[in-house]
Amino acid sequence: MADEVQTAPPAPQAPQAQEGEGRREREREGRRPGGPGGGRGEGGGRKFFRRKKVCKFCVEKIDSINYKDVRLLSQFVAERGKIVPRRLTGVCTPHQRRLTAAIKQARNIALLPFAARF
């Protein structure tokens, strides 16, 4: 009896993920797929800090958006001729409306292209 080694009973294990287990079940249990750096949770830090976009016209206090200012307007037109959306440019809503009107006016008098050359 002195030579016997006593072992502790095995600890209860967490329920194993089954093959048919869906995303909702994993989220309910607090387990999410993904590795380090994914999301706001623990594990891995953010690699990039994205600065909040601010309206160029508000910052530079540009009151009027002139349809003849092709250099300014072309910054907000993609290569294919599309107007770049405000979520990408950071322009505020009132200025985006004026910008869109100015771009369309410049297109009509052939200062800006309707579409890119192919």
Protein backbone atom coordinates (compact mmCIF):
# COMPACT_ATOMS: atom_id res chain seq x y z
CA MET A 1 0.00 0.00 0.00
CA ALA A 2 2.87 2.37 0.58
CA ASP A 3 4.03 1.83 -3.01
CA GLU A 4 0.70 2.85 -4.55
CA VAL A 5 0.59 6.21 -6.30
CA GLN A 6 -2.68 8.00 -5.90
CA THR A 7 -3.93 9.96 -8.89
CA ALA A 8 -6.62 12.60 -8.88
CA PRO A 9 -9.77 11.89 -10.85
CA PRO A 10 -9.77 13.59 -14.27
CA ALA A 11 -11.11 17.15 -14.29
CA PRO A 12 -14.41 17.68 -16.08
CA GLN A 13 -13.82 18.93 -19.62
CA ALA A 14 -15.65 21.66 -21.46
CA PRO A 15 -18.16 20.42 -24.02
CA GLN A 16 -16.48 19.65 -27.32
CA ALA A 17 -17.55 21.44 -30.48
CA GLN A 18 -19.52 19.09 -32.66
CA GLU A 19 -19.40 18.99 -36.42
CA GLY A 20 -22.88 20.42 -36.88
CA GLU A 21 -22.42 23.22 -34.37
CA GLY A 22 -23.14 26.58 -35.95
CA ARG A 23 -21.84 30.07 -35.42
CA ARG A 24 -24.65 31.07 -33.08
CA GLU A 25 -23.92 28.24 -30.66
CA ARG A 26 -20.23 29.18 -30.56
CA GLU A 27 -21.09 32.83 -29.90
CA ARG A 28 -23.48 31.90 -27.10
CA GLU A 29 -20.72 29.96 -25.41
CA GLY A 30 -18.33 32.87 -25.83
CA ARG A 31 -16.08 31.17 -28.35
CA ARG A 32 -15.53 32.98 -31.61
CA PRO A 33 -13.52 31.88 -34.56
CA GLY A 34 -10.39 33.79 -35.43
CA GLY A 35 -6.95 34.21 -34.07
CA PRO A 36 -4.92 37.00 -32.57
CA GLY A 37 -5.64 40.54 -33.64
CA GLY A 38 -9.22 39.89 -34.63
CA GLY A 39 -11.74 42.30 -33.18
CA ARG A 40 -11.76 44.20 -29.94
CA GLY A 41 -11.37 41.22 -27.64
CA GLU A 42 -8.27 39.98 -25.96
CA GLY A 43 -5.36 38.55 -27.85
CA GLY A 44 -3.25 40.56 -30.21
CA GLY A 45 -3.29 44.30 -30.58
CA ARG A 46 -4.54 46.36 -33.46
CA LYS A 47 -1.92 46.79 -36.09
CA PHE A 48 -3.33 49.92 -37.71
CA PHE A 49 -4.96 52.98 -36.23
CA ARG A 50 -7.43 54.48 -38.65
CA ARG A 51 -7.85 58.21 -38.14
CA LYS A 52 -11.39 59.55 -38.34
CA LYS A 53 -11.96 61.18 -41.69
CA VAL A 54 -12.87 64.84 -41.59
CA CYS A 55 -14.47 66.98 -44.25
CA LYS A 56 -11.82 68.70 -46.35
CA PHE A 57 -14.17 71.59 -47.09
CA CYS A 58 -15.02 72.19 -43.42
CA VAL A 59 -11.37 72.03 -42.31
CA GLU A 60 -10.11 74.38 -45.03
CA LYS A 61 -13.23 76.55 -44.67
CA ILE A 62 -14.12 76.35 -48.36
CA ASP A 63 -17.56 77.95 -48.66
CA SER A 64 -18.37 77.40 -52.30
CA ILE A 65 -17.55 74.42 -54.48
CA ASN A 66 -17.03 75.77 -57.99
CA TYR A 67 -17.76 73.51 -60.95
CA LYS A 68 -14.87 75.14 -62.85
CA ASP A 69 -12.28 74.03 -60.27
CA VAL A 70 -11.35 70.79 -62.05
CA ARG A 71 -8.31 70.10 -59.87
CA LEU A 72 -10.45 70.06 -56.72
CA LEU A 73 -13.31 68.10 -58.26
CA SER A 74 -11.06 65.45 -59.80
CA GLN A 75 -9.89 64.44 -56.29
CA PHE A 76 -13.42 63.16 -55.67
CA VAL A 77 -13.85 61.31 -58.95
CA ALA A 78 -12.46 57.77 -59.35
CA GLU A 79 -10.37 56.71 -62.36
CA ARG A 80 -13.41 55.21 -64.05
CA GLY A 81 -15.32 58.48 -63.71
CA LYS A 82 -17.51 57.58 -60.74
CA ILE A 83 -18.05 59.97 -57.86
CA VAL A 84 -16.28 58.60 -54.78
CA PRO A 85 -18.75 58.04 -51.89
CA ARG A 86 -18.49 60.11 -48.74
CA ARG A 87 -17.70 57.12 -46.53
CA LEU A 88 -14.41 56.86 -48.43
CA THR A 89 -13.61 60.57 -48.74
CA GLY A 90 -14.81 61.74 -45.33
CA VAL A 91 -16.75 64.69 -46.78
CA CYS A 92 -19.77 65.77 -44.74
CA THR A 93 -23.27 65.37 -46.16
CA PRO A 94 -23.99 68.99 -47.16
CA HIS A 95 -20.63 69.33 -48.90
CA GLN A 96 -21.06 65.95 -50.61
CA ARG A 97 -24.35 67.16 -52.09
CA ARG A 98 -22.74 70.37 -53.37
CA LEU A 99 -19.75 68.40 -54.64
CA THR A 100 -21.99 65.98 -56.53
CA ALA A 101 -23.89 68.84 -58.15
CA ALA A 102 -20.62 70.56 -59.15
CA ILE A 103 -19.18 67.34 -60.61
CA LYS A 104 -22.34 66.73 -62.64
CA GLN A 105 -22.28 70.31 -63.89
CA ALA A 106 -18.60 70.01 -64.85
CA ARG A 107 -19.36 66.77 -66.70
CA ASN A 108 -22.13 68.42 -68.70
CA ILE A 109 -19.81 71.13 -70.01
CA ALA A 110 -17.03 68.58 -70.66
CA LEU A 111 -14.60 69.66 -67.93
CA LEU A 112 -14.73 66.19 -66.36
CA PRO A 113 -15.26 62.86 -68.14
CA PHE A 114 -18.44 60.85 -67.69
CA ALA A 115 -16.41 57.64 -67.94
CA ALA A 116 -12.79 56.64 -68.25
CA ARG A 117 -11.16 55.95 -71.58
CA PHE A 118 -10.77 52.26 -72.36
